[in-house]
N, C-alpha and C. Protein backbone atom coordinates (compact mmCIF):
# COMPACT_ATOMS: atom_id res chain seq x y z
N MET A 1 39.65 56.53 18.16
CA MET A 1 38.43 57.39 18.76
C MET A 1 39.50 58.38 19.40
N ILE A 2 40.11 58.11 19.26
CA ILE A 2 41.16 59.22 20.28
C ILE A 2 41.55 59.92 18.94
N ALA A 3 41.54 59.79 17.74
CA ALA A 3 42.02 60.69 17.19
C ALA A 3 40.87 61.00 16.83
N CYS A 4 39.47 61.00 16.53
CA CYS A 4 38.36 62.25 16.73
C CYS A 4 38.66 62.94 17.56
N ALA A 5 38.33 62.29 19.18
CA ALA A 5 38.80 63.26 20.03
C ALA A 5 39.58 64.20 19.55
N LEU A 6 41.21 64.30 19.34
CA LEU A 6 41.74 65.43 19.22
C LEU A 6 41.36 66.52 17.81
N MET A 7 40.61 65.87 17.02
CA MET A 7 40.34 66.55 15.87
C MET A 7 39.25 67.41 16.37
N LEU A 8 38.27 66.98 17.49
CA LEU A 8 36.92 67.58 17.89
C LEU A 8 37.71 68.76 18.84
N PHE A 9 38.37 68.33 19.53
CA PHE A 9 39.42 69.31 20.21
C PHE A 9 39.66 70.64 19.71
N LEU A 10 40.48 70.03 18.74
CA LEU A 10 41.00 71.47 17.39
C LEU A 10 39.70 72.11 17.11
N GLN A 11 38.81 71.68 16.44
CA GLN A 11 37.63 71.65 16.37
C GLN A 11 37.14 73.22 16.95
N ALA A 12 36.90 72.77 17.89
CA ALA A 12 36.31 73.42 19.15
C ALA A 12 37.23 74.60 19.70
N GLN A 13 38.31 74.66 19.58
CA GLN A 13 39.61 75.70 19.82
C GLN A 13 39.05 76.64 18.83
N GLN A 14 39.15 76.17 17.53
CA GLN A 14 38.79 77.08 16.48
C GLN A 14 37.49 77.74 16.37
N ALA A 15 36.78 76.95 16.88
CA ALA A 15 35.59 77.65 17.26
C ALA A 15 35.39 78.71 18.37
N SER A 16 35.97 78.54 19.24
CA SER A 16 36.44 79.26 20.46
C SER A 16 37.24 80.75 20.13
N ALA A 17 37.68 80.48 19.44
CA ALA A 17 38.59 81.24 18.67
C ALA A 17 37.86 82.52 17.79
N GLU A 18 36.92 81.52 16.95
CA GLU A 18 35.80 82.15 16.41
C GLU A 18 34.61 82.80 16.81
N ARG A 19 34.90 82.03 18.85
CA ARG A 19 33.78 83.04 19.06
C ARG A 19 32.11 82.45 18.49
N SER A 20 32.35 81.67 18.45
CA SER A 20 31.38 80.22 17.76
C SER A 20 30.48 79.79 18.70
N LYS A 21 29.38 79.87 18.86
CA LYS A 21 28.31 78.99 19.07
C LYS A 21 28.85 78.22 19.25
N GLN A 22 29.29 77.14 18.11
CA GLN A 22 29.35 75.42 18.17
C GLN A 22 30.50 75.17 18.96
N ARG A 23 31.06 76.24 19.52
CA ARG A 23 32.43 75.37 20.98
C ARG A 23 31.53 74.13 21.58
N VAL A 24 30.42 74.41 22.29
CA VAL A 24 30.28 73.79 23.07
C VAL A 24 30.27 72.05 22.31
N GLY A 25 29.28 72.45 21.75
CA GLY A 25 28.78 71.12 21.11
C GLY A 25 30.36 70.19 20.43
N TRP A 26 31.46 70.86 19.67
CA TRP A 26 32.53 70.57 19.22
C TRP A 26 33.17 69.45 21.00
N LEU A 27 32.81 70.25 22.19
CA LEU A 27 33.52 69.99 23.41
C LEU A 27 32.86 68.52 24.17
N LEU A 28 31.19 68.80 23.86
CA LEU A 28 30.61 67.77 23.96
C LEU A 28 30.80 66.57 23.38
N LEU A 29 31.43 66.19 22.14
CA LEU A 29 31.61 65.53 20.87
C LEU A 29 33.32 64.84 21.26
N ALA A 30 34.04 66.07 21.50
CA ALA A 30 35.31 65.65 21.95
C ALA A 30 35.33 65.00 23.31
N PHE A 31 34.59 65.46 24.34
CA PHE A 31 34.74 64.85 25.76
C PHE A 31 34.35 63.52 25.29
N GLY A 32 33.00 63.20 24.48
CA GLY A 32 32.47 61.77 24.22
C GLY A 32 33.25 60.64 23.61
N PHE A 33 34.33 61.23 22.60
CA PHE A 33 35.12 60.32 21.92
C PHE A 33 36.48 60.19 22.97
N VAL A 34 36.54 61.14 24.13
CA VAL A 34 37.55 60.39 25.04
C VAL A 34 37.06 59.39 25.89
N TYR A 35 35.58 59.86 26.32
CA TYR A 35 35.32 58.74 26.88
C TYR A 35 35.13 57.36 26.31
N LEU A 36 34.88 57.32 24.86
CA LEU A 36 34.47 56.09 23.88
C LEU A 36 35.83 55.43 24.05
N SER A 37 36.87 56.25 24.17
CA SER A 37 38.24 55.58 23.91
C SER A 37 38.44 54.84 25.23
N MET A 38 38.62 55.78 26.30
CA MET A 38 38.84 55.22 27.72
C MET A 38 38.16 53.99 27.58
N ASP A 39 36.61 53.71 27.09
CA ASP A 39 35.56 52.78 27.73
C ASP A 39 36.39 51.40 26.62
N GLU A 40 36.83 51.75 25.63
CA GLU A 40 37.27 50.62 24.43
C GLU A 40 38.82 49.67 25.31
N THR A 41 38.90 51.01 25.65
CA THR A 41 40.53 50.41 26.40
C THR A 41 40.55 49.52 27.62
N ALA A 42 39.53 50.59 28.86
CA ALA A 42 39.06 49.57 29.92
C ALA A 42 37.89 49.03 29.93
N SER A 43 37.53 48.62 29.35
CA SER A 43 35.65 47.76 28.72
C SER A 43 35.03 48.61 30.12
N ILE A 44 35.12 49.78 30.51
CA ILE A 44 34.14 50.57 31.56
C ILE A 44 32.55 49.85 31.36
N HIS A 45 32.22 49.74 30.26
CA HIS A 45 30.64 49.39 30.33
C HIS A 45 30.94 47.86 30.92
N GLU A 46 31.61 47.13 30.99
CA GLU A 46 31.49 45.78 31.33
C GLU A 46 31.39 45.70 32.95
N ILE A 47 31.80 46.79 33.64
CA ILE A 47 31.16 47.00 34.73
C ILE A 47 29.87 46.64 35.37
N LEU A 48 29.27 47.24 34.40
CA LEU A 48 27.71 47.83 34.04
C LEU A 48 26.95 46.44 34.19
N ILE A 49 27.72 45.29 33.32
CA ILE A 49 26.85 44.08 33.24
C ILE A 49 25.93 43.37 34.48
N GLU A 50 27.07 43.28 35.70
CA GLU A 50 26.65 42.65 36.61
C GLU A 50 25.36 43.56 37.55
N LYS A 51 26.34 44.62 37.57
CA LYS A 51 25.36 45.58 38.59
C LYS A 51 24.54 45.62 37.82
N VAL A 52 23.79 45.66 36.65
CA VAL A 52 22.36 46.16 36.19
C VAL A 52 21.43 44.63 36.54
N LYS A 53 22.44 43.31 36.20
CA LYS A 53 21.84 42.20 36.34
C LYS A 53 21.24 42.08 37.80
N LEU A 54 22.30 42.49 38.56
CA LEU A 54 21.70 42.24 40.19
C LEU A 54 20.02 43.05 40.01
N VAL A 55 20.27 44.51 39.56
CA VAL A 55 18.63 45.05 39.82
C VAL A 55 17.80 44.76 39.03
N PHE A 56 17.92 44.80 37.88
CA PHE A 56 16.91 44.03 37.20
C PHE A 56 16.61 42.90 36.50
N HIS A 57 17.43 41.86 36.91
CA HIS A 57 17.62 40.53 36.40
C HIS A 57 17.54 40.33 34.77
N THR A 58 18.46 41.18 34.32
CA THR A 58 18.12 41.02 33.07
C THR A 58 18.60 40.03 32.35
N SER A 59 18.27 39.57 31.09
CA SER A 59 18.55 38.19 30.27
C SER A 59 17.82 38.27 29.07
N GLY A 60 17.90 37.56 27.86
CA GLY A 60 17.67 37.40 26.66
C GLY A 60 18.27 38.77 26.06
N VAL A 61 17.82 39.59 25.55
CA VAL A 61 18.68 40.71 24.67
C VAL A 61 19.30 42.06 25.95
N PHE A 62 18.43 41.74 26.67
CA PHE A 62 19.45 42.72 27.78
C PHE A 62 20.47 41.71 28.95
N THR A 63 20.81 40.80 28.21
CA THR A 63 21.86 40.06 29.49
C THR A 63 22.78 40.62 29.55
N PHE A 64 23.29 41.94 28.47
CA PHE A 64 24.54 42.81 28.57
C PHE A 64 24.03 43.97 29.24
N GLY A 65 23.83 44.08 30.53
CA GLY A 65 23.05 45.06 30.73
C GLY A 65 23.15 46.60 30.38
N TRP A 66 24.53 46.84 30.44
CA TRP A 66 25.19 48.20 30.14
C TRP A 66 24.23 48.86 29.25
N VAL A 67 23.69 47.88 28.30
CA VAL A 67 22.68 48.30 26.93
C VAL A 67 21.66 49.06 27.63
N LEU A 68 21.31 49.07 28.94
CA LEU A 68 19.90 49.77 29.62
C LEU A 68 20.53 50.88 29.91
N VAL A 69 21.53 51.04 30.19
CA VAL A 69 22.09 52.51 30.91
C VAL A 69 22.39 53.20 29.14
N ALA A 70 23.54 52.42 28.26
CA ALA A 70 23.64 53.32 26.90
C ALA A 70 22.20 53.49 26.43
N ILE A 71 21.23 52.85 26.21
CA ILE A 71 20.13 53.17 25.18
C ILE A 71 19.42 54.98 25.60
N PRO A 72 19.60 55.26 27.23
CA PRO A 72 19.07 56.37 27.31
C PRO A 72 20.25 57.48 27.17
N ALA A 73 21.22 57.08 27.42
CA ALA A 73 22.71 57.58 27.18
C ALA A 73 22.73 58.23 26.23
N VAL A 74 22.09 57.74 24.98
CA VAL A 74 22.83 57.78 23.48
C VAL A 74 21.51 58.76 23.09
N ILE A 75 20.43 58.57 23.70
CA ILE A 75 19.08 59.59 23.38
C ILE A 75 19.39 60.90 24.07
N VAL A 76 19.99 60.91 25.34
CA VAL A 76 20.16 62.45 26.02
C VAL A 76 21.59 63.18 25.26
N VAL A 77 22.43 62.23 25.06
CA VAL A 77 23.34 62.94 23.89
C VAL A 77 22.73 63.67 22.42
N LEU A 78 22.27 62.55 21.98
CA LEU A 78 21.55 63.33 20.61
C LEU A 78 20.64 64.41 21.18
N LEU A 79 19.66 64.95 22.41
CA LEU A 79 19.13 65.70 22.33
C LEU A 79 19.95 67.09 22.63
N LEU A 80 20.48 66.86 23.49
CA LEU A 80 21.92 67.58 23.61
C LEU A 80 22.91 68.13 22.59
N LEU A 81 22.88 67.23 21.70
CA LEU A 81 24.35 67.81 20.38
C LEU A 81 22.48 68.16 19.28
N TRP A 82 21.58 68.13 19.49
CA TRP A 82 20.56 68.69 18.56
C TRP A 82 20.65 69.69 17.64
N ARG A 83 20.72 70.91 18.40
CA ARG A 83 21.06 72.09 17.80
C ARG A 83 22.41 72.38 17.11
N PHE A 84 23.56 71.66 17.53
CA PHE A 84 24.53 71.73 17.18
C PHE A 84 24.59 71.21 15.92
N ILE A 85 24.29 69.79 15.79
CA ILE A 85 24.14 68.91 14.54
C ILE A 85 23.59 69.93 13.53
N LEU A 86 21.96 70.36 13.87
CA LEU A 86 21.44 71.70 12.97
C LEU A 86 22.00 72.56 12.53
N ARG A 87 23.14 72.92 13.16
CA ARG A 87 23.58 74.53 12.53
C ARG A 87 24.97 73.84 11.69
N LEU A 88 25.10 72.83 11.51
CA LEU A 88 26.16 72.05 10.78
C LEU A 88 25.72 71.81 9.25
N PRO A 89 26.72 72.24 8.46
CA PRO A 89 26.38 72.01 6.55
C PRO A 89 25.43 70.77 6.86
N ARG A 90 24.54 70.52 5.67
CA ARG A 90 24.07 69.62 5.21
C ARG A 90 24.57 68.37 5.42
N ARG A 91 25.65 68.31 4.70
CA ARG A 91 26.53 66.91 4.44
C ARG A 91 27.47 66.34 5.53
N THR A 92 27.39 67.30 6.55
CA THR A 92 28.42 67.03 7.93
C THR A 92 27.54 66.18 8.76
N GLN A 93 26.01 66.93 8.09
CA GLN A 93 24.88 66.58 9.19
C GLN A 93 24.66 65.07 9.25
N LEU A 94 24.64 64.69 7.62
CA LEU A 94 24.23 63.68 7.44
C LEU A 94 25.17 62.46 8.02
N LEU A 95 26.81 63.01 7.55
CA LEU A 95 27.46 62.08 7.61
C LEU A 95 27.95 61.72 9.14
N PHE A 96 27.43 62.78 9.98
CA PHE A 96 27.45 62.41 11.29
C PHE A 96 26.28 61.37 11.90
N LEU A 97 25.29 61.71 11.86
CA LEU A 97 24.11 61.21 11.96
C LEU A 97 24.15 59.91 11.39
N GLY A 98 24.51 59.35 9.87
CA GLY A 98 24.87 57.81 9.49
C GLY A 98 25.71 57.24 10.20
N SER A 99 27.48 58.02 10.49
CA SER A 99 28.05 57.44 11.01
C SER A 99 27.81 57.08 12.87
N GLY A 100 27.11 58.02 13.60
CA GLY A 100 27.00 57.90 14.36
C GLY A 100 25.53 56.36 14.67
N ALA A 101 24.71 56.24 13.72
CA ALA A 101 23.28 55.49 13.58
C ALA A 101 24.30 53.83 13.72
N ILE A 102 25.55 53.86 12.20
CA ILE A 102 26.17 52.72 12.12
C ILE A 102 27.00 52.43 13.49
N TYR A 103 27.21 53.16 13.96
CA TYR A 103 28.36 52.64 15.45
C TYR A 103 27.31 52.16 16.40
N VAL A 104 26.35 53.10 16.47
CA VAL A 104 24.93 52.45 17.74
C VAL A 104 24.83 51.15 17.42
N PHE A 105 24.60 51.02 16.38
CA PHE A 105 23.79 49.54 15.59
C PHE A 105 24.43 48.38 16.21
N GLY A 106 25.91 48.80 15.68
CA GLY A 106 27.01 47.58 16.12
C GLY A 106 27.31 47.40 17.50
N ALA A 107 27.36 48.91 18.11
CA ALA A 107 27.69 48.49 20.02
C ALA A 107 26.56 48.05 20.55
N VAL A 108 25.17 48.46 20.29
CA VAL A 108 24.56 48.63 21.01
C VAL A 108 23.31 47.57 20.46
N GLY A 109 22.27 47.65 19.21
CA GLY A 109 21.91 47.14 18.59
C GLY A 109 22.41 45.16 18.54
N LEU A 110 23.98 45.17 17.73
CA LEU A 110 24.02 43.83 17.59
C LEU A 110 24.56 43.04 18.84
N GLU A 111 25.12 44.06 19.85
CA GLU A 111 25.08 43.38 21.43
C GLU A 111 24.00 42.53 21.50
N MET A 112 23.16 43.77 21.31
CA MET A 112 21.75 42.80 22.29
C MET A 112 21.27 41.66 21.46
N LEU A 113 21.03 41.63 19.96
CA LEU A 113 20.87 40.64 19.28
C LEU A 113 21.88 39.51 19.34
N GLY A 114 23.12 39.78 19.60
CA GLY A 114 24.04 38.43 20.37
C GLY A 114 23.65 37.98 21.21
N ALA A 115 23.16 38.62 22.48
CA ALA A 115 23.08 38.40 24.22
C ALA A 115 22.37 36.94 24.12
N PRO A 116 21.15 36.55 23.10
CA PRO A 116 20.43 34.92 23.67
C PRO A 116 21.53 34.27 23.08
N ILE A 117 21.96 34.40 21.80
CA ILE A 117 22.69 33.45 21.83
C ILE A 117 24.20 33.41 22.64
N PHE A 118 24.90 34.35 23.15
CA PHE A 118 26.18 33.92 24.06
C PHE A 118 25.24 33.59 25.20
N GLU A 119 23.96 33.65 25.87
CA GLU A 119 23.34 32.84 26.86
C GLU A 119 23.02 32.11 26.41
N ALA A 120 22.59 31.44 25.09
CA ALA A 120 22.23 29.94 25.28
C ALA A 120 23.78 29.07 25.15
N GLN A 121 24.56 29.57 24.04
CA GLN A 121 25.63 28.77 23.58
C GLN A 121 27.22 29.11 24.16
N GLY A 122 27.09 30.11 24.21
CA GLY A 122 28.87 30.72 25.18
C GLY A 122 29.49 31.67 24.71
N VAL A 123 30.69 32.09 24.92
CA VAL A 123 31.15 32.49 24.24
C VAL A 123 31.94 32.20 23.17
N ASP A 124 32.29 30.83 22.97
CA ASP A 124 33.15 30.44 21.79
C ASP A 124 32.32 29.72 20.93
N ALA A 125 30.77 29.78 21.06
CA ALA A 125 30.22 29.30 19.82
C ALA A 125 30.33 30.01 18.76
N PRO A 126 31.14 29.43 17.51
CA PRO A 126 30.72 30.49 15.74
C PRO A 126 29.77 30.80 15.98
N SER A 127 28.47 31.13 16.18
CA SER A 127 27.53 31.86 16.04
C SER A 127 27.49 33.06 16.68
N TYR A 128 28.23 33.23 17.87
CA TYR A 128 28.39 34.51 18.47
C TYR A 128 29.71 34.77 18.57
N ILE A 129 30.59 34.20 18.18
CA ILE A 129 32.03 34.81 17.52
C ILE A 129 31.20 35.90 16.29
N ALA A 130 30.82 34.93 15.42
CA ALA A 130 30.29 35.81 14.37
C ALA A 130 29.76 37.24 14.34
N PHE A 131 28.66 36.90 15.31
CA PHE A 131 27.89 38.45 15.88
C PHE A 131 29.18 39.16 16.43
N VAL A 132 30.24 38.92 17.46
CA VAL A 132 30.93 39.82 17.82
C VAL A 132 31.64 40.49 16.49
N VAL A 133 32.12 39.68 16.12
CA VAL A 133 33.25 40.39 14.69
C VAL A 133 32.47 41.46 13.90
N THR A 134 30.48 40.76 13.49
CA THR A 134 30.20 41.88 12.92
C THR A 134 29.87 43.38 13.81
N GLU A 135 29.49 42.82 14.77
CA GLU A 135 29.51 44.04 15.99
C GLU A 135 30.83 45.21 15.67
N GLU A 136 31.69 44.14 15.87
CA GLU A 136 32.85 45.55 15.66
C GLU A 136 33.36 45.67 14.52
N THR A 137 33.31 45.13 13.22
CA THR A 137 33.29 45.79 11.75
C THR A 137 32.40 47.04 12.01
N PHE A 138 30.89 46.97 12.24
CA PHE A 138 29.99 47.92 12.70
C PHE A 138 30.31 49.68 13.70
N GLU A 139 31.05 48.95 14.40
CA GLU A 139 31.79 50.05 15.12
C GLU A 139 33.15 50.62 14.39
N ILE A 140 34.04 49.94 13.98
CA ILE A 140 34.85 50.31 13.26
C ILE A 140 34.78 51.26 12.26
N VAL A 141 33.86 50.69 11.28
CA VAL A 141 33.12 51.49 10.38
C VAL A 141 32.56 52.79 10.37
N GLY A 142 31.47 52.94 11.74
CA GLY A 142 30.88 54.05 12.14
C GLY A 142 31.94 55.14 12.60
N ILE A 143 32.95 54.84 13.62
CA ILE A 143 34.20 55.53 13.73
C ILE A 143 34.86 56.03 12.72
N SER A 144 35.49 54.78 11.89
CA SER A 144 36.25 55.66 10.83
C SER A 144 35.58 56.65 9.39
N LEU A 145 33.70 56.37 8.99
CA LEU A 145 33.46 57.20 8.97
C LEU A 145 33.07 58.24 9.17
N PHE A 146 32.74 58.50 10.84
CA PHE A 146 32.70 60.10 11.23
C PHE A 146 34.26 60.43 11.05
N LEU A 147 35.45 60.20 11.56
CA LEU A 147 36.24 60.43 11.59
C LEU A 147 36.61 61.34 10.07
N THR A 148 36.16 60.60 9.17
CA THR A 148 36.13 60.87 7.36
C THR A 148 35.61 61.99 7.55
N ALA A 149 34.10 62.25 7.85
CA ALA A 149 33.20 63.01 7.90
C ALA A 149 34.00 64.39 8.36
N LEU A 150 34.31 64.78 9.55
CA LEU A 150 35.06 65.65 10.62
C LEU A 150 36.34 65.73 9.68
N LEU A 151 37.35 65.32 8.95
CA LEU A 151 38.10 65.65 7.93
C LEU A 151 37.05 66.52 6.85
N LEU A 152 36.79 65.97 6.17
CA LEU A 152 36.16 66.58 5.15
C LEU A 152 35.35 67.73 5.80
N HIS A 153 34.76 68.01 6.53
CA HIS A 153 34.01 69.48 7.56
C HIS A 153 34.90 70.54 7.24
N VAL A 154 36.36 69.95 8.02
CA VAL A 154 37.20 70.73 8.35
C VAL A 154 38.11 71.36 7.21
N HIS A 155 37.89 70.51 6.11
CA HIS A 155 38.49 70.64 4.84
C HIS A 155 37.63 71.88 4.08
N ARG A 156 36.23 71.64 4.10
CA ARG A 156 35.70 72.78 3.56
C ARG A 156 35.72 73.75 4.28
N GLU A 157 35.28 73.87 5.91
CA GLU A 157 34.94 75.26 6.41
C GLU A 157 36.03 75.64 6.82
N GLN A 158 37.29 75.11 7.35
CA GLN A 158 38.32 76.02 7.78
C GLN A 158 39.50 75.06 7.64
N GLN A 159 40.04 75.52 7.10
CA GLN A 159 41.90 75.07 6.98
C GLN A 159 42.70 75.72 7.54
N SER A 160 42.48 76.91 8.53
CA SER A 160 43.32 77.95 8.63
C SER A 160 44.03 77.19 9.86
N TRP A 161 43.36 76.33 10.48
CA TRP A 161 44.12 75.18 11.57
C TRP A 161 45.39 74.34 11.49
N LEU A 162 44.75 73.52 10.12
CA LEU A 162 45.08 72.23 9.51
C LEU A 162 47.13 72.45 9.46
N LEU A 163 47.47 71.81 9.93
CA LEU A 163 49.11 71.84 9.93
C LEU A 163 49.47 71.38 8.41
N ARG A 164 50.09 71.97 7.85
CA ARG A 164 50.22 72.09 6.24
C ARG A 164 51.56 70.85 5.82
N VAL A 165 51.87 70.06 5.33
CA VAL A 165 52.75 69.57 5.05
C VAL A 165 53.20 69.37 3.77
N ARG A 166 54.38 69.62 3.16
CA ARG A 166 55.10 69.96 1.81
C ARG A 166 56.00 69.30 1.64
């Protein structure tokens, strides 16, 4: 995730040098990936579980209450980035949206589907462990695909800031 953030900051810098309107979109994505990286390291979203549970008395698919915050956050981010995404080349658009969908399905969707199993059987249940492994796999595939899409975009669109190793 931090590799994505670094590449996005470099892309924002390039867009700024070119006085491109895309600079803000690259920066929003970069800061988003910095946050995701920090959250992955410090489990910031876990703090929300108990707080949301106290307020909304969540259970079932909403046992992990942070998803109630994540779902609107994903929608807001998508709306904020929509014009930015539409200005990208078609292949980059599809790869960014596809990788994001894979990541969100893993992080939010599978977390919600696994929550009732967690509630009923606990954290050590083989079926819950299988959900967690599948969830993490989707997240890793989504991030890897996004980084690949970003590298392909940079390679196709503007190589001027890339370091050349010979």
